[in-house]
PDB file of all heavy atoms in Angstrom:
ATOM      1  N   PRO A   1      18.464 136.362 -92.385  1.00  0.00           N
ATOM      2  CA  PRO A   1      19.727 135.856 -92.740  1.00  0.00           C
ATOM      3  C   PRO A   1      20.837 136.261 -91.749  1.00  0.00           C
ATOM      4  O   PRO A   1      20.847 137.365 -91.172  1.00  0.00           O
ATOM      5  CB  PRO A   1      20.020 136.510 -94.270  1.00  0.00           C
ATOM      6  CG  PRO A   1      19.029 137.676 -94.244  1.00  0.00           C
ATOM      7  CD  PRO A   1      17.949 137.293 -93.243  1.00  0.00           C
ATOM      8  N   VAL A   2      21.964 135.538 -91.666  1.00  0.00           N
ATOM      9  CA  VAL A   2      23.113 135.734 -90.967  1.00  0.00           C
ATOM     10  C   VAL A   2      24.249 135.721 -92.081  1.00  0.00           C
ATOM     11  O   VAL A   2      24.514 134.833 -92.797  1.00  0.00           O
ATOM     12  CB  VAL A   2      23.503 134.763 -89.826  1.00  0.00           C
ATOM     13  CG1 VAL A   2      24.800 135.098 -89.195  1.00  0.00           C
ATOM     14  CG2 VAL A   2      22.366 134.823 -88.844  1.00  0.00           C
ATOM     15  N   HIS A   3      24.973 136.761 -92.193  1.00  0.00           N
ATOM     16  CA  HIS A   3      26.027 136.995 -93.218  1.00  0.00           C
ATOM     17  C   HIS A   3      27.367 136.723 -92.357  1.00  0.00           C
ATOM     18  O   HIS A   3      27.623 137.380 -91.446  1.00  0.00           O
ATOM     19  CB  HIS A   3      25.993 138.273 -93.976  1.00  0.00           C
ATOM     20  CG  HIS A   3      24.699 138.558 -94.553  1.00  0.00           C
ATOM     21  ND1 HIS A   3      24.513 138.271 -95.811  1.00  0.00           N
ATOM     22  CD2 HIS A   3      23.557 139.216 -94.138  1.00  0.00           C
ATOM     23  CE1 HIS A   3      23.242 138.640 -96.211  1.00  0.00           C
ATOM     24  NE2 HIS A   3      22.753 139.288 -95.163  1.00  0.00           N
ATOM     25  N   ARG A   4      28.165 136.010 -93.110  1.00  0.00           N
ATOM     26  CA  ARG A   4      29.532 135.634 -92.436  1.00  0.00           C
ATOM     27  C   ARG A   4      30.608 135.882 -93.538  1.00  0.00           C
ATOM     28  O   ARG A   4      30.273 135.581 -94.611  1.00  0.00           O
ATOM     29  CB  ARG A   4      29.542 134.120 -91.915  1.00  0.00           C
ATOM     30  CG  ARG A   4      28.457 133.979 -90.966  1.00  0.00           C
ATOM     31  CD  ARG A   4      28.564 132.525 -90.551  1.00  0.00           C
ATOM     32  NE  ARG A   4      27.493 132.262 -89.510  1.00  0.00           N
ATOM     33  CZ  ARG A   4      27.272 131.130 -88.945  1.00  0.00           C
ATOM     34  NH1 ARG A   4      28.149 130.034 -89.179  1.00  0.00           N
ATOM     35  NH2 ARG A   4      26.226 130.958 -88.028  1.00  0.00           N
ATOM     36  N   ARG A   5      31.696 136.252 -93.002  1.00  0.00           N
ATOM     37  CA  ARG A   5      32.926 136.400 -93.896  1.00  0.00           C
ATOM     38  C   ARG A   5      34.168 136.280 -93.079  1.00  0.00           C
ATOM     39  O   ARG A   5      34.088 136.651 -91.851  1.00  0.00           O
ATOM     40  CB  ARG A   5      32.755 137.854 -94.577  1.00  0.00           C
ATOM     41  CG  ARG A   5      33.817 138.101 -95.571  1.00  0.00           C
ATOM     42  CD  ARG A   5      33.533 137.316 -96.745  1.00  0.00           C
ATOM     43  NE  ARG A   5      34.693 137.164 -97.672  1.00  0.00           N
ATOM     44  CZ  ARG A   5      34.902 137.823 -98.826  1.00  0.00           C
ATOM     45  NH1 ARG A   5      33.979 138.622 -99.252  1.00  0.00           N
ATOM     46  NH2 ARG A   5      36.048 137.709 -99.357  1.00  0.00           N
ATOM     47  N   ALA A   6      35.199 135.663 -93.679  1.00  0.00           N
ATOM     48  CA  ALA A   6      36.444 135.504 -93.022  1.00  0.00           C
ATOM     49  C   ALA A   6      37.581 135.933 -94.094  1.00  0.00           C
ATOM     50  O   ALA A   6      37.485 135.685 -95.165  1.00  0.00           O
ATOM     51  CB  ALA A   6      36.549 134.016 -92.521  1.00  0.00           C
ATOM     52  N   TRP A   7      38.659 136.528 -93.392  1.00  0.00           N
ATOM     53  CA  TRP A   7      39.705 137.010 -94.177  1.00  0.00           C
ATOM     54  C   TRP A   7      41.083 136.546 -93.460  1.00  0.00           C
ATOM     55  O   TRP A   7      41.260 136.819 -92.256  1.00  0.00           O
ATOM     56  CB  TRP A   7      39.907 138.455 -94.342  1.00  0.00           C
ATOM     57  CG  TRP A   7      38.735 139.012 -95.130  1.00  0.00           C
ATOM     58  CD1 TRP A   7      38.529 139.267 -96.371  1.00  0.00           C
ATOM     59  CD2 TRP A   7      37.452 139.597 -94.441  1.00  0.00           C
ATOM     60  NE1 TRP A   7      37.412 139.825 -96.734  1.00  0.00           N
ATOM     61  CE2 TRP A   7      36.632 140.056 -95.645  1.00  0.00           C
ATOM     62  CE3 TRP A   7      36.999 139.727 -93.138  1.00  0.00           C
ATOM     63  CZ2 TRP A   7      35.485 140.730 -95.305  1.00  0.00           C
ATOM     64  CZ3 TRP A   7      35.742 140.221 -92.955  1.00  0.00           C
ATOM     65  CH2 TRP A   7      34.930 140.820 -94.111  1.00  0.00           C
ATOM     66  N   LEU A   8      41.900 135.915 -94.136  1.00  0.00           N
ATOM     67  CA  LEU A   8      43.295 135.595 -93.682  1.00  0.00           C
ATOM     68  C   LEU A   8      44.074 136.839 -93.817  1.00  0.00           C
ATOM     69  O   LEU A   8      44.063 137.596 -94.765  1.00  0.00           O
ATOM     70  CB  LEU A   8      44.016 134.439 -94.465  1.00  0.00           C
ATOM     71  CG  LEU A   8      45.326 134.043 -94.128  1.00  0.00           C
ATOM     72  CD1 LEU A   8      45.324 133.414 -92.670  1.00  0.00           C
ATOM     73  CD2 LEU A   8      45.915 133.056 -95.119  1.00  0.00           C
ATOM     74  N   LEU A   9      44.754 137.307 -92.727  1.00  0.00           N
ATOM     75  CA  LEU A   9      45.504 138.560 -92.695  1.00  0.00           C
ATOM     76  C   LEU A   9      46.986 138.309 -92.558  1.00  0.00           C
ATOM     77  O   LEU A   9      47.492 137.387 -91.976  1.00  0.00           O
ATOM     78  CB  LEU A   9      45.034 139.465 -91.553  1.00  0.00           C
ATOM     79  CG  LEU A   9      43.511 139.793 -91.632  1.00  0.00           C
ATOM     80  CD1 LEU A   9      43.202 140.469 -90.311  1.00  0.00           C
ATOM     81  CD2 LEU A   9      43.232 140.701 -92.784  1.00  0.00           C
ATOM     82  N   CYS A  10      47.824 139.140 -93.124  1.00  0.00           N
ATOM     83  CA  CYS A  10      49.244 139.107 -93.061  1.00  0.00           C
ATOM     84  C   CYS A  10      49.518 139.441 -91.580  1.00  0.00           C
ATOM     85  O   CYS A  10      48.948 140.235 -90.954  1.00  0.00           O
ATOM     86  CB  CYS A  10      50.009 139.991 -94.021  1.00  0.00           C
ATOM     87  SG  CYS A  10      49.573 141.702 -93.853  1.00  0.00           S
ATOM     88  N   HIS A  11      50.703 138.941 -91.134  1.00  0.00           N
ATOM     89  CA  HIS A  11      51.090 139.166 -89.779  1.00  0.00           C
ATOM     90  C   HIS A  11      52.204 140.325 -89.717  1.00  0.00           C
ATOM     91  O   HIS A  11      53.221 140.247 -89.499  1.00  0.00           O
ATOM     92  CB  HIS A  11      51.743 137.926 -89.149  1.00  0.00           C
ATOM     93  CG  HIS A  11      51.943 138.002 -87.644  1.00  0.00           C
ATOM     94  ND1 HIS A  11      53.177 138.397 -87.117  1.00  0.00           N
ATOM     95  CD2 HIS A  11      51.113 137.746 -86.601  1.00  0.00           C
ATOM     96  CE1 HIS A  11      53.007 138.453 -85.800  1.00  0.00           C
ATOM     97  NE2 HIS A  11      51.810 137.970 -85.579  1.00  0.00           N
ATOM     98  N   ARG A  12      51.579 141.520 -90.187  1.00  0.00           N
ATOM     99  CA  ARG A  12      52.408 142.747 -90.285  1.00  0.00           C
ATOM    100  C   ARG A  12      51.510 143.846 -89.774  1.00  0.00           C
ATOM    101  O   ARG A  12      50.400 143.858 -89.760  1.00  0.00           O
ATOM    102  CB  ARG A  12      52.720 142.895 -91.881  1.00  0.00           C
ATOM    103  CG  ARG A  12      53.520 141.796 -92.433  1.00  0.00           C
ATOM    104  CD  ARG A  12      53.639 142.008 -93.883  1.00  0.00           C
ATOM    105  NE  ARG A  12      54.092 143.257 -94.206  1.00  0.00           N
ATOM    106  CZ  ARG A  12      55.328 143.645 -94.515  1.00  0.00           C
ATOM    107  NH1 ARG A  12      56.342 142.634 -94.400  1.00  0.00           N
ATOM    108  NH2 ARG A  12      55.782 144.833 -94.795  1.00  0.00           N
ATOM    109  N   PRO A  13      52.266 144.988 -89.368  1.00  0.00           N
ATOM    110  CA  PRO A  13      51.483 146.209 -88.988  1.00  0.00           C
ATOM    111  C   PRO A  13      50.340 146.682 -89.870  1.00  0.00           C
ATOM    112  O   PRO A  13      49.377 147.222 -89.494  1.00  0.00           O
ATOM    113  CB  PRO A  13      52.615 147.239 -88.827  1.00  0.00           C
ATOM    114  CG  PRO A  13      53.780 146.508 -88.720  1.00  0.00           C
ATOM    115  CD  PRO A  13      53.696 145.216 -89.504  1.00  0.00           C
ATOM    116  N   GLU A  14      50.484 146.457 -91.177  1.00  0.00           N
ATOM    117  CA  GLU A  14      49.506 146.844 -92.173  1.00  0.00           C
ATOM    118  C   GLU A  14      48.158 146.168 -92.013  1.00  0.00           C
ATOM    119  O   GLU A  14      47.177 146.383 -92.720  1.00  0.00           O
ATOM    120  CB  GLU A  14      50.089 146.771 -93.595  1.00  0.00           C
ATOM    121  CG  GLU A  14      51.260 147.586 -93.866  1.00  0.00           C
ATOM    122  CD  GLU A  14      52.449 146.922 -93.365  1.00  0.00           C
ATOM    123  OE1 GLU A  14      52.662 145.671 -93.402  1.00  0.00           O
ATOM    124  OE2 GLU A  14      53.570 147.565 -93.088  1.00  0.00           O
ATOM    125  N   ALA A  15      48.316 144.951 -91.287  1.00  0.00           N
ATOM    126  CA  ALA A  15      47.040 144.080 -91.271  1.00  0.00           C
ATOM    127  C   ALA A  15      45.787 144.883 -90.782  1.00  0.00           C
ATOM    128  O   ALA A  15      44.675 144.539 -91.327  1.00  0.00           O
ATOM    129  CB  ALA A  15      47.347 142.919 -90.588  1.00  0.00           C
ATOM    130  N   ALA A  16      45.928 145.609 -89.849  1.00  0.00           N
ATOM    131  CA  ALA A  16      44.765 146.396 -89.302  1.00  0.00           C
ATOM    132  C   ALA A  16      44.078 147.160 -90.190  1.00  0.00           C
ATOM    133  O   ALA A  16      42.829 147.206 -90.324  1.00  0.00           O
ATOM    134  CB  ALA A  16      45.072 147.169 -87.928  1.00  0.00           C
ATOM    135  N   GLY A  17      44.846 147.961 -91.051  1.00  0.00           N
ATOM    136  CA  GLY A  17      44.380 148.822 -92.191  1.00  0.00           C
ATOM    137  C   GLY A  17      43.632 148.018 -93.251  1.00  0.00           C
ATOM    138  O   GLY A  17      42.494 148.384 -93.618  1.00  0.00           O
ATOM    139  N   LEU A  18      44.235 146.908 -93.697  1.00  0.00           N
ATOM    140  CA  LEU A  18      43.565 146.006 -94.604  1.00  0.00           C
ATOM    141  C   LEU A  18      42.221 145.505 -94.013  1.00  0.00           C
ATOM    142  O   LEU A  18      41.266 145.393 -94.764  1.00  0.00           O
ATOM    143  CB  LEU A  18      44.596 145.019 -95.010  1.00  0.00           C
ATOM    144  CG  LEU A  18      44.031 143.885 -95.963  1.00  0.00           C
ATOM    145  CD1 LEU A  18      43.586 144.620 -97.281  1.00  0.00           C
ATOM    146  CD2 LEU A  18      45.025 142.813 -96.234  1.00  0.00           C
ATOM    147  N   ALA A  19      42.390 145.032 -92.920  1.00  0.00           N
ATOM    148  CA  ALA A  19      41.050 144.407 -92.171  1.00  0.00           C
ATOM    149  C   ALA A  19      40.016 145.467 -92.116  1.00  0.00           C
ATOM    150  O   ALA A  19      38.850 145.191 -92.488  1.00  0.00           O
ATOM    151  CB  ALA A  19      41.511 144.001 -90.839  1.00  0.00           C
ATOM    152  N   ARG A  20      40.352 146.703 -91.797  1.00  0.00           N
ATOM    153  CA  ARG A  20      39.284 147.819 -91.717  1.00  0.00           C
ATOM    154  C   ARG A  20      38.747 148.026 -93.226  1.00  0.00           C
ATOM    155  O   ARG A  20      37.352 148.204 -93.169  1.00  0.00           O
ATOM    156  CB  ARG A  20      39.897 149.067 -91.152  1.00  0.00           C
ATOM    157  CG  ARG A  20      40.082 149.059 -89.731  1.00  0.00           C
ATOM    158  CD  ARG A  20      40.385 150.463 -89.210  1.00  0.00           C
ATOM    159  NE  ARG A  20      41.606 151.043 -89.807  1.00  0.00           N
ATOM    160  CZ  ARG A  20      42.845 150.939 -89.466  1.00  0.00           C
ATOM    161  NH1 ARG A  20      43.038 150.251 -88.370  1.00  0.00           N
ATOM    162  NH2 ARG A  20      43.777 151.516 -90.130  1.00  0.00           N
ATOM    163  N   ARG A  21      39.577 148.042 -94.181  1.00  0.00           N
ATOM    164  CA  ARG A  21      38.947 148.223 -95.549  1.00  0.00           C
ATOM    165  C   ARG A  21      38.098 147.082 -95.967  1.00  0.00           C
ATOM    166  O   ARG A  21      37.021 147.415 -96.478  1.00  0.00           O
ATOM    167  CB  ARG A  21      40.088 148.442 -96.474  1.00  0.00           C
ATOM    168  CG  ARG A  21      40.773 149.833 -96.344  1.00  0.00           C
ATOM    169  CD  ARG A  21      41.783 150.026 -97.366  1.00  0.00           C
ATOM    170  NE  ARG A  21      42.965 149.137 -97.431  1.00  0.00           N
ATOM    171  CZ  ARG A  21      44.029 149.158 -96.799  1.00  0.00           C
ATOM    172  NH1 ARG A  21      44.125 150.109 -95.877  1.00  0.00           N
ATOM    173  NH2 ARG A  21      45.036 148.232 -96.913  1.00  0.00           N
ATOM    174  N   ARG A  22      38.431 145.876 -95.627  1.00  0.00           N
ATOM    175  CA  ARG A  22      37.554 144.737 -96.099  1.00  0.00           C
ATOM    176  C   ARG A  22      36.306 144.679 -95.285  1.00  0.00           C
ATOM    177  O   ARG A  22      35.236 144.398 -95.792  1.00  0.00           O
ATOM    178  CB  ARG A  22      38.391 143.533 -95.921  1.00  0.00           C
ATOM    179  CG  ARG A  22      39.430 143.386 -96.874  1.00  0.00           C
ATOM    180  CD  ARG A  22      40.178 142.138 -96.921  1.00  0.00           C
ATOM    181  NE  ARG A  22      40.990 142.005 -97.992  1.00  0.00           N
ATOM    182  CZ  ARG A  22      42.112 141.139 -98.189  1.00  0.00           C
ATOM    183  NH1 ARG A  22      42.218 140.230 -97.261  1.00  0.00           N
ATOM    184  NH2 ARG A  22      42.810 141.157 -99.220  1.00  0.00           N
ATOM    185  N   ALA A  23      36.382 145.010 -93.875  1.00  0.00           N
ATOM    186  CA  ALA A  23      35.172 145.036 -93.135  1.00  0.00           C
ATOM    187  C   ALA A  23      34.232 146.116 -93.522  1.00  0.00           C
ATOM    188  O   ALA A  23      32.983 145.849 -93.598  1.00  0.00           O
ATOM    189  CB  ALA A  23      35.536 145.174 -91.633  1.00  0.00           C
ATOM    190  N   ARG A  24      34.751 147.261 -93.886  1.00  0.00           N
ATOM    191  CA  ARG A  24      33.918 148.461 -94.316  1.00  0.00           C
ATOM    192  C   ARG A  24      33.134 148.002 -95.576  1.00  0.00           C
ATOM    193  O   ARG A  24      31.916 148.247 -95.717  1.00  0.00           O
ATOM    194  CB  ARG A  24      34.742 149.652 -94.566  1.00  0.00           C
ATOM    195  CG  ARG A  24      33.785 150.821 -95.162  1.00  0.00           C
ATOM    196  CD  ARG A  24      34.727 152.011 -95.541  1.00  0.00           C
ATOM    197  NE  ARG A  24      35.153 152.648 -94.348  1.00  0.00           N
ATOM    198  CZ  ARG A  24      34.555 153.348 -93.456  1.00  0.00           C
ATOM    199  NH1 ARG A  24      33.286 153.755 -93.703  1.00  0.00           N
ATOM    200  NH2 ARG A  24      35.161 153.887 -92.408  1.00  0.00           N
ATOM    201  N   THR A  25      33.822 147.463 -96.582  1.00  0.00           N
ATOM    202  CA  THR A  25      33.169 147.048 -97.754  1.00  0.00           C
ATOM    203  C   THR A  25      32.020 146.053 -97.517  1.00  0.00           C
ATOM    204  O   THR A  25      31.009 146.136 -98.030  1.00  0.00           O
ATOM    205  CB  THR A  25      34.241 146.536 -98.862  1.00  0.00           C
ATOM    206  OG1 THR A  25      35.130 147.506 -99.165  1.00  0.00           O
ATOM    207  CG2 THR A  25      33.538 146.021 -99.986  1.00  0.00           C
ATOM    208  N   PHE A  26      32.354 145.031 -96.621  1.00  0.00           N
ATOM    209  CA  PHE A  26      31.364 144.047 -96.367  1.00  0.00           C
ATOM    210  C   PHE A  26      30.090 144.678 -95.701  1.00  0.00           C
ATOM    211  O   PHE A  26      29.010 144.307 -96.046  1.00  0.00           O
ATOM    212  CB  PHE A  26      32.044 143.023 -95.331  1.00  0.00           C
ATOM    213  CG  PHE A  26      31.353 141.901 -94.858  1.00  0.00           C
ATOM    214  CD1 PHE A  26      30.838 140.793 -95.713  1.00  0.00           C
ATOM    215  CD2 PHE A  26      30.885 141.840 -93.561  1.00  0.00           C
ATOM    216  CE1 PHE A  26      30.108 139.785 -95.230  1.00  0.00           C
ATOM    217  CE2 PHE A  26      30.068 140.796 -93.134  1.00  0.00           C
ATOM    218  CZ  PHE A  26      29.723 139.826 -93.926  1.00  0.00           C
ATOM    219  N   LEU A  27      30.360 145.522 -94.785  1.00  0.00           N
ATOM    220  CA  LEU A  27      29.278 146.098 -94.063  1.00  0.00           C
ATOM    221  C   LEU A  27      28.460 147.015 -94.870  1.00  0.00           C
ATOM    222  O   LEU A  27      27.291 147.145 -94.757  1.00  0.00           O
ATOM    223  CB  LEU A  27      29.715 146.766 -92.723  1.00  0.00           C
ATOM    224  CG  LEU A  27      30.415 145.922 -91.669  1.00  0.00           C
ATOM    225  CD1 LEU A  27      31.033 146.722 -90.601  1.00  0.00           C
ATOM    226  CD2 LEU A  27      29.430 144.888 -91.109  1.00  0.00           C
ATOM    227  N   GLU A  28      29.215 147.893 -95.718  1.00  0.00           N
ATOM    228  CA  GLU A  28      28.412 148.722 -96.597  1.00  0.00           C
ATOM    229  C   GLU A  28      27.589 148.032 -97.628  1.00  0.00           C
ATOM    230  O   GLU A  28      26.418 148.492 -97.967  1.00  0.00           O
ATOM    231  CB  GLU A  28      29.465 149.685 -97.480  1.00  0.00           C
ATOM    232  CG  GLU A  28      30.029 150.722 -96.535  1.00  0.00           C
ATOM    233  CD  GLU A  28      31.078 151.461 -97.180  1.00  0.00           C
ATOM    234  OE1 GLU A  28      31.657 151.161 -98.284  1.00  0.00           O
ATOM    235  OE2 GLU A  28      31.482 152.639 -96.594  1.00  0.00           O
ATOM    236  N   ARG A  29      27.994 146.907 -98.051  1.00  0.00           N
ATOM    237  CA  ARG A  29      27.249 146.028 -99.006  1.00  0.00           C
ATOM    238  C   ARG A  29      25.954 145.605 -98.195  1.00  0.00           C
ATOM    239  O   ARG A  29      24.991 145.212 -98.947  1.00  0.00           O
ATOM    240  CB  ARG A  29      28.040 144.919 -99.535  1.00  0.00           C
ATOM    241  CG  ARG A  29      28.960 145.403-100.547  1.00  0.00           C
ATOM    242  CD  ARG A  29      29.814 144.231-101.125  1.00  0.00           C
ATOM    243  NE  ARG A  29      30.738 144.840-102.069  1.00  0.00           N
ATOM    244  CZ  ARG A  29      31.806 144.206-102.571  1.00  0.00           C
ATOM    245  NH1 ARG A  29      32.063 142.906-102.074  1.00  0.00           N
ATOM    246  NH2 ARG A  29      32.555 144.703-103.476  1.00  0.00           N
ATOM    247  N   ARG A  30      26.015 145.441 -96.967  1.00  0.00           N
ATOM    248  CA  ARG A  30      24.801 144.989 -96.136  1.00  0.00           C
ATOM    249  C   ARG A  30      24.060 146.293 -95.663  1.00  0.00           C
ATOM    250  O   ARG A  30      23.121 146.156 -94.804  1.00  0.00           O
ATOM    251  CB  ARG A  30      25.252 144.141 -95.102  1.00  0.00           C
ATOM    252  CG  ARG A  30      25.327 142.667 -95.520  1.00  0.00           C
ATOM    253  CD  ARG A  30      26.577 142.026 -95.089  1.00  0.00           C
ATOM    254  NE  ARG A  30      26.783 140.824 -96.009  1.00  0.00           N
ATOM    255  CZ  ARG A  30      27.572 140.878 -97.103  1.00  0.00           C
ATOM    256  NH1 ARG A  30      28.117 142.049 -97.441  1.00  0.00           N
ATOM    257  NH2 ARG A  30      27.666 139.863 -97.803  1.00  0.00           N
ATOM    258  N   ARG A  31      24.345 147.369 -96.170  1.00  0.00           N
ATOM    259  CA  ARG A  31      23.586 148.604 -95.960  1.00  0.00           C
ATOM    260  C   ARG A  31      23.515 149.036 -94.280  1.00  0.00           C
ATOM    261  O   ARG A  31      22.527 149.439 -93.877  1.00  0.00           O
ATOM    262  CB  ARG A  31      22.155 148.650 -96.497  1.00  0.00           C
ATOM    263  CG  ARG A  31      22.255 148.452 -97.874  1.00  0.00           C
ATOM    264  CD  ARG A  31      20.830 148.701 -98.487  1.00  0.00           C
ATOM    265  NE  ARG A  31      20.505 148.149 -99.925  1.00  0.00           N
ATOM    266  CZ  ARG A  31      21.200 148.537-100.950  1.00  0.00           C
ATOM    267  NH1 ARG A  31      22.132 149.445-100.962  1.00  0.00           N
ATOM    268  NH2 ARG A  31      20.856 148.028-102.164  1.00  0.00           N
ATOM    269  N   MET A  32      24.701 148.736 -93.730  1.00  0.00           N
ATOM    270  CA  MET A  32      24.714 149.095 -92.290  1.00  0.00           C
ATOM    271  C   MET A  32      24.941 150.597 -92.183  1.00  0.00           C
ATOM    272  O   MET A  32      25.452 151.218 -93.093  1.00  0.00           O
ATOM    273  CB  MET A  32      25.969 148.505 -91.724  1.00  0.00           C
ATOM    274  CG  MET A  32      25.975 147.019 -91.604  1.00  0.00           C
ATOM    275  SD  MET A  32      24.906 146.637 -90.233  1.00  0.00           S
ATOM    276  CE  MET A  32      24.540 144.859 -90.612  1.00  0.00           C
ATOM    277  N   ASP A  33      24.260 151.268 -91.184  1.00  0.00           N
ATOM    278  CA  ASP A  33      24.421 152.623 -90.937  1.00  0.00           C
ATOM    279  C   ASP A  33      25.884 153.013 -90.551  1.00  0.00           C
ATOM    280  O   ASP A  33      26.668 152.171 -90.028  1.00  0.00           O
ATOM    281  CB  ASP A  33      23.477 153.195 -89.860  1.00  0.00           C
ATOM    282  CG  ASP A  33      23.759 152.517 -88.516  1.00  0.00           C
ATOM    283  OD1 ASP A  33      23.373 151.426 -88.219  1.00  0.00           O
ATOM    284  OD2 ASP A  33      24.511 153.214 -87.703  1.00  0.00           O
ATOM    285  N   GLN A  34      26.437 154.259 -90.761  1.00  0.00           N
ATOM    286  CA  GLN A  34      27.693 154.796 -90.502  1.00  0.00           C
ATOM    287  C   GLN A  34      28.130 154.515 -89.032  1.00  0.00           C
ATOM    288  O   GLN A  34      29.168 154.189 -88.827  1.00  0.00           O
ATOM    289  CB  GLN A  34      27.890 156.225 -90.970  1.00  0.00           C
ATOM    290  CG  GLN A  34      29.431 156.474 -91.096  1.00  0.00           C
ATOM    291  CD  GLN A  34      30.187 155.740 -92.042  1.00  0.00           C
ATOM    292  OE1 GLN A  34      29.827 155.428 -93.055  1.00  0.00           O
ATOM    293  NE2 GLN A  34      31.337 155.190 -91.497  1.00  0.00           N
ATOM    294  N   HIS A  35      27.230 154.862 -88.102  1.00  0.00           N
ATOM    295  CA  HIS A  35      27.554 154.684 -86.820  1.00  0.00           C
ATOM    296  C   HIS A  35      27.922 153.170 -86.398  1.00  0.00           C
ATOM    297  O   HIS A  35      28.939 153.130 -85.626  1.00  0.00           O
ATOM    298  CB  HIS A  35      26.344 155.105 -85.840  1.00  0.00           C
ATOM    299  CG  HIS A  35      26.584 155.001 -84.350  1.00  0.00           C
ATOM    300  ND1 HIS A  35      27.386 155.844 -83.658  1.00  0.00           N
ATOM    301  CD2 HIS A  35      26.107 154.138 -83.496  1.00  0.00           C
ATOM    302  CE1 HIS A  35      27.348 155.547 -82.443  1.00  0.00           C
ATOM    303  NE2 HIS A  35      26.723 154.510 -82.166  1.00  0.00           N
ATOM    304  N   THR A  36      27.216 152.229 -86.846  1.00  0.00           N
ATOM    305  CA  THR A  36      27.508 150.865 -86.716  1.00  0.00           C
ATOM    306  C   THR A  36      28.874 150.507 -87.323  1.00  0.00           C
ATOM    307  O   THR A  36      29.630 149.835 -86.658  1.00  0.00           O
ATOM    308  CB  THR A  36      26.320 150.038 -87.173  1.00  0.00           C
ATOM    309  OG1 THR A  36      25.120 150.243 -86.562  1.00  0.00           O
ATOM    310  CG2 THR A  36      26.650 148.563 -87.022  1.00  0.00           C
TER     311      THR A  36
END
C-alpha cells in the first residue's frame, strides 16, 4: 500500500506547526519509527 494525505494550510506563520502536528499523527498511525 501507498498511503496519501493532503491538508490545506492557512497562509500564516502558524501553518508550519499545524502541518507538523498533522504529519506526526498521520505517520504515527502508520507505525513509522521516531527517526523517520
